Amino acid sequence: MKLLHIETSGVNCSVALTDNDTILATKAQNAGHFTHSENLHLFIETVMTTAGVPLSSLDAIAVSAGAGSYT
């Protein structure tokens, strides 16, 4: 099961792609302030490209819940 993980509830912006228990790619940044709107789409593109996995093959997307700037 290919799962895209998105974390935006704090100042850390991170994206990861897993296939079952295997981490295929990750991208994260903690700039000390909120930069999610500038970086999130780029992080997703980088992770998917690095792993060589098209978005259409994702089985699910997991998004953190929180009071962050982007959630």
PDB file of N, CA and C in Angstrom:
ATOM      1  N   MET A   1       0.846  -1.181   0.000  1.00  0.00           N
ATOM      2  CA  MET A   1       0.000   0.000   0.000  1.00  0.00           C
ATOM      3  C   MET A   1       0.886   1.237   0.000  1.00  0.00           C
ATOM      4  N   LYS A   2       0.766   2.046  -1.027  1.00  0.00           N
ATOM      5  CA  LYS A   2       1.545   3.279  -1.120  1.00  0.00           C
ATOM      6  C   LYS A   2       0.785   4.406  -0.419  1.00  0.00           C
ATOM      7  N   LEU A   3       1.460   5.026   0.544  1.00  0.00           N
ATOM      8  CA  LEU A   3       0.834   6.045   1.380  1.00  0.00           C
ATOM      9  C   LEU A   3       1.703   7.294   1.387  1.00  0.00           C
ATOM     10  N   LEU A   4       1.107   8.448   1.090  1.00  0.00           N
ATOM     11  CA  LEU A   4       1.792   9.739   1.154  1.00  0.00           C
ATOM     12  C   LEU A   4       1.457  10.366   2.501  1.00  0.00           C
ATOM     13  N   HIS A   5       2.481  10.697   3.279  1.00  0.00           N
ATOM     14  CA  HIS A   5       2.313  11.292   4.608  1.00  0.00           C
ATOM     15  C   HIS A   5       2.649  12.774   4.522  1.00  0.00           C
ATOM     16  N   ILE A   6       1.787  13.637   5.055  1.00  0.00           N
ATOM     17  CA  ILE A   6       2.000  15.087   5.025  1.00  0.00           C
ATOM     18  C   ILE A   6       1.874  15.635   6.443  1.00  0.00           C
ATOM     19  N   GLU A   7       2.904  16.336   6.899  1.00  0.00           N
ATOM     20  CA  GLU A   7       2.920  16.942   8.236  1.00  0.00           C
ATOM     21  C   GLU A   7       3.053  18.456   8.084  1.00  0.00           C
ATOM     22  N   THR A   8       2.032  19.176   8.543  1.00  0.00           N
ATOM     23  CA  THR A   8       2.053  20.642   8.444  1.00  0.00           C
ATOM     24  C   THR A   8       1.512  21.305   9.701  1.00  0.00           C
ATOM     25  N   SER A   9       1.373  20.555  10.785  1.00  0.00           N
ATOM     26  CA  SER A   9       0.725  21.123  11.968  1.00  0.00           C
ATOM     27  C   SER A   9       1.644  21.990  12.820  1.00  0.00           C
ATOM     28  N   GLY A  10       2.924  21.970  12.569  1.00  0.00           N
ATOM     29  CA  GLY A  10       3.876  22.812  13.294  1.00  0.00           C
ATOM     30  C   GLY A  10       4.767  23.535  12.306  1.00  0.00           C
ATOM     31  N   VAL A  11       5.880  24.074  12.763  1.00  0.00           N
ATOM     32  CA  VAL A  11       6.785  24.780  11.850  1.00  0.00           C
ATOM     33  C   VAL A  11       7.548  23.818  10.956  1.00  0.00           C
ATOM     34  N   ASN A  12       7.593  22.535  11.332  1.00  0.00           N
ATOM     35  CA  ASN A  12       8.226  21.532  10.476  1.00  0.00           C
ATOM     36  C   ASN A  12       7.264  21.178   9.347  1.00  0.00           C
ATOM     37  N   CYS A  13       7.745  21.276   8.127  1.00  0.00           N
ATOM     38  CA  CYS A  13       6.964  20.876   6.959  1.00  0.00           C
ATOM     39  C   CYS A  13       7.630  19.615   6.424  1.00  0.00           C
ATOM     40  N   SER A  14       6.892  18.512   6.382  1.00  0.00           N
ATOM     41  CA  SER A  14       7.506  17.275   5.910  1.00  0.00           C
ATOM     42  C   SER A  14       6.525  16.440   5.114  1.00  0.00           C
ATOM     43  N   VAL A  15       7.106  15.684   4.182  1.00  0.00           N
ATOM     44  CA  VAL A  15       6.360  14.781   3.328  1.00  0.00           C
ATOM     45  C   VAL A  15       7.164  13.492   3.242  1.00  0.00           C
ATOM     46  N   ALA A  16       6.467  12.364   3.314  1.00  0.00           N
ATOM     47  CA  ALA A  16       7.120  11.066   3.174  1.00  0.00           C
ATOM     48  C   ALA A  16       6.234  10.166   2.330  1.00  0.00           C
ATOM     49  N   LEU A  17       6.879   9.229   1.657  1.00  0.00           N
ATOM     50  CA  LEU A  17       6.163   8.229   0.875  1.00  0.00           C
ATOM     51  C   LEU A  17       6.594   6.865   1.363  1.00  0.00           C
ATOM     52  N   THR A  18       5.627   6.022   1.699  1.00  0.00           N
ATOM     53  CA  THR A  18       5.932   4.665   2.135  1.00  0.00           C
ATOM     54  C   THR A  18       5.193   3.662   1.259  1.00  0.00           C
ATOM     55  N   ASP A  19       5.755   2.484   1.213  1.00  0.00           N
ATOM     56  CA  ASP A  19       5.101   1.341   0.572  1.00  0.00           C
ATOM     57  C   ASP A  19       5.114   0.229   1.599  1.00  0.00           C
ATOM     58  N   ASN A  20       3.971  -0.008   2.216  1.00  0.00           N
ATOM     59  CA  ASN A  20       3.856  -0.908   3.363  1.00  0.00           C
ATOM     60  C   ASN A  20       4.796  -0.424   4.459  1.00  0.00           C
ATOM     61  N   ASP A  21       5.782  -1.197   4.853  1.00  0.00           N
ATOM     62  CA  ASP A  21       6.688  -0.797   5.942  1.00  0.00           C
ATOM     63  C   ASP A  21       7.981  -0.170   5.447  1.00  0.00           C
ATOM     64  N   THR A  22       8.084   0.122   4.158  1.00  0.00           N
ATOM     65  CA  THR A  22       9.313   0.650   3.570  1.00  0.00           C
ATOM     66  C   THR A  22       9.174   2.133   3.257  1.00  0.00           C
ATOM     67  N   ILE A  23      10.104   2.945   3.751  1.00  0.00           N
ATOM     68  CA  ILE A  23      10.134   4.378   3.426  1.00  0.00           C
ATOM     69  C   ILE A  23      10.812   4.523   2.069  1.00  0.00           C
ATOM     70  N   LEU A  24      10.110   5.084   1.112  1.00  0.00           N
ATOM     71  CA  LEU A  24      10.646   5.251  -0.233  1.00  0.00           C
ATOM     72  C   LEU A  24      11.360   6.581  -0.415  1.00  0.00           C
ATOM     73  N   ALA A  25      10.843   7.642   0.205  1.00  0.00           N
ATOM     74  CA  ALA A  25      11.455   8.974   0.081  1.00  0.00           C
ATOM     75  C   ALA A  25      10.869   9.894   1.138  1.00  0.00           C
ATOM     76  N   THR A  26      11.675  10.872   1.546  1.00  0.00           N
ATOM     77  CA  THR A  26      11.221  11.890   2.493  1.00  0.00           C
ATOM     78  C   THR A  26      11.796  13.245   2.114  1.00  0.00           C
ATOM     79  N   LYS A  27      11.115  14.279   2.544  1.00  0.00           N
ATOM     80  CA  LYS A  27      11.589  15.656   2.380  1.00  0.00           C
ATOM     81  C   LYS A  27      11.030  16.455   3.543  1.00  0.00           C
ATOM     82  N   ALA A  28      11.899  17.166   4.252  1.00  0.00           N
ATOM     83  CA  ALA A  28      11.454  17.931   5.419  1.00  0.00           C
ATOM     84  C   ALA A  28      12.282  19.199   5.572  1.00  0.00           C
ATOM     85  N   GLN A  29      11.656  20.188   6.203  1.00  0.00           N
ATOM     86  CA  GLN A  29      12.352  21.439   6.495  1.00  0.00           C
ATOM     87  C   GLN A  29      11.741  22.054   7.747  1.00  0.00           C
ATOM     88  N   ASN A  30      12.600  22.545   8.615  1.00  0.00           N
ATOM     89  CA  ASN A  30      12.159  23.319   9.771  1.00  0.00           C
ATOM     90  C   ASN A  30      12.899  24.644   9.694  1.00  0.00           C
ATOM     91  N   ALA A  31      12.240  25.621   9.096  1.00  0.00           N
ATOM     92  CA  ALA A  31      12.842  26.941   8.888  1.00  0.00           C
ATOM     93  C   ALA A  31      12.697  27.831  10.118  1.00  0.00           C
ATOM     94  N   GLY A  32      12.042  27.304  11.167  1.00  0.00           N
ATOM     95  CA  GLY A  32      11.829  28.105  12.362  1.00  0.00           C
ATOM     96  C   GLY A  32      10.607  28.998  12.268  1.00  0.00           C
ATOM     97  N   HIS A  33       9.968  28.965  11.114  1.00  0.00           N
ATOM     98  CA  HIS A  33       8.725  29.702  10.901  1.00  0.00           C
ATOM     99  C   HIS A  33       7.930  28.951   9.834  1.00  0.00           C
ATOM    100  N   PHE A  34       6.707  29.350   9.600  1.00  0.00           N
ATOM    101  CA  PHE A  34       5.845  28.635   8.674  1.00  0.00           C
ATOM    102  C   PHE A  34       6.166  28.973   7.224  1.00  0.00           C
ATOM    103  N   THR A  35       6.553  27.943   6.452  1.00  0.00           N
ATOM    104  CA  THR A  35       6.866  28.101   5.026  1.00  0.00           C
ATOM    105  C   THR A  35       6.076  27.091   4.196  1.00  0.00           C
ATOM    106  N   HIS A  36       5.034  26.527   4.765  1.00  0.00           N
ATOM    107  CA  HIS A  36       4.316  25.437   4.118  1.00  0.00           C
ATOM    108  C   HIS A  36       3.728  25.826   2.765  1.00  0.00           C
ATOM    109  N   SER A  37       3.142  26.992   2.675  1.00  0.00           N
ATOM    110  CA  SER A  37       2.497  27.378   1.418  1.00  0.00           C
ATOM    111  C   SER A  37       3.502  27.518   0.282  1.00  0.00           C
ATOM    112  N   GLU A  38       4.750  27.835   0.616  1.00  0.00           N
ATOM    113  CA  GLU A  38       5.788  27.943  -0.408  1.00  0.00           C
ATOM    114  C   GLU A  38       6.404  26.596  -0.754  1.00  0.00           C
ATOM    115  N   ASN A  39       6.397  25.645   0.185  1.00  0.00           N
ATOM    116  CA  ASN A  39       7.171  24.425   0.008  1.00  0.00           C
ATOM    117  C   ASN A  39       6.388  23.134  -0.154  1.00  0.00           C
ATOM    118  N   LEU A  40       5.184  23.063   0.345  1.00  0.00           N
ATOM    119  CA  LEU A  40       4.487  21.780   0.392  1.00  0.00           C
ATOM    120  C   LEU A  40       4.344  21.127  -0.978  1.00  0.00           C
ATOM    121  N   HIS A  41       3.891  21.863  -1.967  1.00  0.00           N
ATOM    122  CA  HIS A  41       3.722  21.273  -3.299  1.00  0.00           C
ATOM    123  C   HIS A  41       5.060  20.830  -3.899  1.00  0.00           C
ATOM    124  N   LEU A  42       6.117  21.572  -3.618  1.00  0.00           N
ATOM    125  CA  LEU A  42       7.444  21.187  -4.103  1.00  0.00           C
ATOM    126  C   LEU A  42       7.951  19.931  -3.402  1.00  0.00           C
ATOM    127  N   PHE A  43       7.688  19.821  -2.109  1.00  0.00           N
ATOM    128  CA  PHE A  43       8.103  18.640  -1.348  1.00  0.00           C
ATOM    129  C   PHE A  43       7.388  17.396  -1.868  1.00  0.00           C
ATOM    130  N   ILE A  44       6.104  17.515  -2.152  1.00  0.00           N
ATOM    131  CA  ILE A  44       5.346  16.379  -2.684  1.00  0.00           C
ATOM    132  C   ILE A  44       5.919  15.960  -4.030  1.00  0.00           C
ATOM    133  N   GLU A  45       6.161  16.918  -4.901  1.00  0.00           N
ATOM    134  CA  GLU A  45       6.726  16.618  -6.217  1.00  0.00           C
ATOM    135  C   GLU A  45       8.099  15.954  -6.086  1.00  0.00           C
ATOM    136  N   THR A  46       8.946  16.464  -5.197  1.00  0.00           N
ATOM    137  CA  THR A  46      10.281  15.902  -5.001  1.00  0.00           C
ATOM    138  C   THR A  46      10.218  14.467  -4.505  1.00  0.00           C
ATOM    139  N   VAL A  47       9.372  14.214  -3.515  1.00  0.00           N
ATOM    140  CA  VAL A  47       9.249  12.871  -2.944  1.00  0.00           C
ATOM    141  C   VAL A  47       8.752  11.885  -3.995  1.00  0.00           C
ATOM    142  N   MET A  48       7.735  12.256  -4.736  1.00  0.00           N
ATOM    143  CA  MET A  48       7.180  11.359  -5.741  1.00  0.00           C
ATOM    144  C   MET A  48       8.183  11.098  -6.864  1.00  0.00           C
ATOM    145  N   THR A  49       8.886  12.129  -7.298  1.00  0.00           N
ATOM    146  CA  THR A  49       9.885  11.979  -8.354  1.00  0.00           C
ATOM    147  C   THR A  49      11.063  11.139  -7.879  1.00  0.00           C
ATOM    148  N   THR A  50      11.545  11.405  -6.678  1.00  0.00           N
ATOM    149  CA  THR A  50      12.668  10.650  -6.119  1.00  0.00           C
ATOM    150  C   THR A  50      12.340   9.162  -6.045  1.00  0.00           C
ATOM    151  N   ALA A  51      11.124   8.855  -5.637  1.00  0.00           N
ATOM    152  CA  ALA A  51      10.710   7.458  -5.502  1.00  0.00           C
ATOM    153  C   ALA A  51      10.322   6.836  -6.848  1.00  0.00           C
ATOM    154  N   GLY A  52      10.105   7.668  -7.859  1.00  0.00           N
ATOM    155  CA  GLY A  52       9.684   7.158  -9.160  1.00  0.00           C
ATOM    156  C   GLY A  52       8.267   6.616  -9.145  1.00  0.00           C
ATOM    157  N   VAL A  53       7.421   7.232  -8.330  1.00  0.00           N
ATOM    158  CA  VAL A  53       6.042   6.770  -8.162  1.00  0.00           C
ATOM    159  C   VAL A  53       5.090   7.870  -8.644  1.00  0.00           C
ATOM    160  N   PRO A  54       4.193   7.565  -9.566  1.00  0.00           N
ATOM    161  CA  PRO A  54       3.224   8.584  -9.998  1.00  0.00           C
ATOM    162  C   PRO A  54       2.128   8.782  -8.951  1.00  0.00           C
ATOM    163  N   LEU A  55       1.594   9.980  -8.876  1.00  0.00           N
ATOM    164  CA  LEU A  55       0.516  10.265  -7.920  1.00  0.00           C
ATOM    165  C   LEU A  55      -0.668   9.315  -8.097  1.00  0.00           C
ATOM    166  N   SER A  56      -0.918   8.902  -9.307  1.00  0.00           N
ATOM    167  CA  SER A  56      -2.065   8.032  -9.580  1.00  0.00           C
ATOM    168  C   SER A  56      -1.943   6.652  -8.940  1.00  0.00           C
ATOM    169  N   SER A  57      -0.746   6.284  -8.496  1.00  0.00           N
ATOM    170  CA  SER A  57      -0.577   4.963  -7.882  1.00  0.00           C
ATOM    171  C   SER A  57      -0.698   4.992  -6.358  1.00  0.00           C
ATOM    172  N   LEU A  58      -0.975   6.169  -5.778  1.00  0.00           N
ATOM    173  CA  LEU A  58      -1.162   6.248  -4.327  1.00  0.00           C
ATOM    174  C   LEU A  58      -2.441   5.532  -3.915  1.00  0.00           C
ATOM    175  N   ASP A  59      -2.356   4.832  -2.785  1.00  0.00           N
ATOM    176  CA  ASP A  59      -3.537   4.185  -2.225  1.00  0.00           C
ATOM    177  C   ASP A  59      -4.246   5.094  -1.226  1.00  0.00           C
ATOM    178  N   ALA A  60      -3.482   5.976  -0.567  1.00  0.00           N
ATOM    179  CA  ALA A  60      -4.065   6.871   0.429  1.00  0.00           C
ATOM    180  C   ALA A  60      -3.105   8.013   0.717  1.00  0.00           C
ATOM    181  N   ILE A  61      -3.660   9.067   1.322  1.00  0.00           N
ATOM    182  CA  ILE A  61      -2.875  10.212   1.779  1.00  0.00           C
ATOM    183  C   ILE A  61      -3.211  10.438   3.248  1.00  0.00           C
ATOM    184  N   ALA A  62      -2.174  10.543   4.070  1.00  0.00           N
ATOM    185  CA  ALA A  62      -2.351  10.796   5.508  1.00  0.00           C
ATOM    186  C   ALA A  62      -1.886  12.216   5.802  1.00  0.00           C
ATOM    187  N   VAL A  63      -2.752  12.998   6.431  1.00  0.00           N
ATOM    188  CA  VAL A  63      -2.441  14.391   6.748  1.00  0.00           C
ATOM    189  C   VAL A  63      -2.579  14.588   8.253  1.00  0.00           C
ATOM    190  N   SER A  64      -1.588  15.234   8.843  1.00  0.00           N
ATOM    191  CA  SER A  64      -1.653  15.491  10.290  1.00  0.00           C
ATOM    192  C   SER A  64      -2.779  16.464  10.592  1.00  0.00           C
ATOM    193  N   ALA A  65      -3.376  16.277  11.739  1.00  0.00           N
ATOM    194  CA  ALA A  65      -4.414  17.197  12.194  1.00  0.00           C
ATOM    195  C   ALA A  65      -3.804  18.109  13.241  1.00  0.00           C
ATOM    196  N   GLY A  66      -4.128  19.356  13.151  1.00  0.00           N
ATOM    197  CA  GLY A  66      -3.573  20.281  14.127  1.00  0.00           C
ATOM    198  C   GLY A  66      -3.937  21.705  13.810  1.00  0.00           C
ATOM    199  N   ALA A  67      -3.425  22.542  14.605  1.00  0.00           N
ATOM    200  CA  ALA A  67      -3.725  23.969  14.460  1.00  0.00           C
ATOM    201  C   ALA A  67      -2.610  24.707  13.735  1.00  0.00           C
ATOM    202  N   GLY A  68      -1.931  24.051  12.828  1.00  0.00           N
ATOM    203  CA  GLY A  68      -0.844  24.680  12.104  1.00  0.00           C
ATOM    204  C   GLY A  68      -1.337  25.693  11.087  1.00  0.00           C
ATOM    205  N   SER A  69      -0.399  26.340  10.431  1.00  0.00           N
ATOM    206  CA  SER A  69      -0.757  27.401   9.497  1.00  0.00           C
ATOM    207  C   SER A  69      -1.393  26.874   8.216  1.00  0.00           C
ATOM    208  N   TYR A  70      -1.235  25.607   7.936  1.00  0.00           N
ATOM    209  CA  TYR A  70      -1.680  25.077   6.642  1.00  0.00           C
ATOM    210  C   TYR A  70      -2.776  24.045   6.795  1.00  0.00           C
ATOM    211  N   THR A  71      -3.123  23.658   8.046  1.00  0.00           N
ATOM    212  CA  THR A  71      -4.120  22.588   8.212  1.00  0.00           C
ATOM    213  C   THR A  71      -5.512  23.141   8.425  1.00  0.00           C
TER     214      THR A  71
END
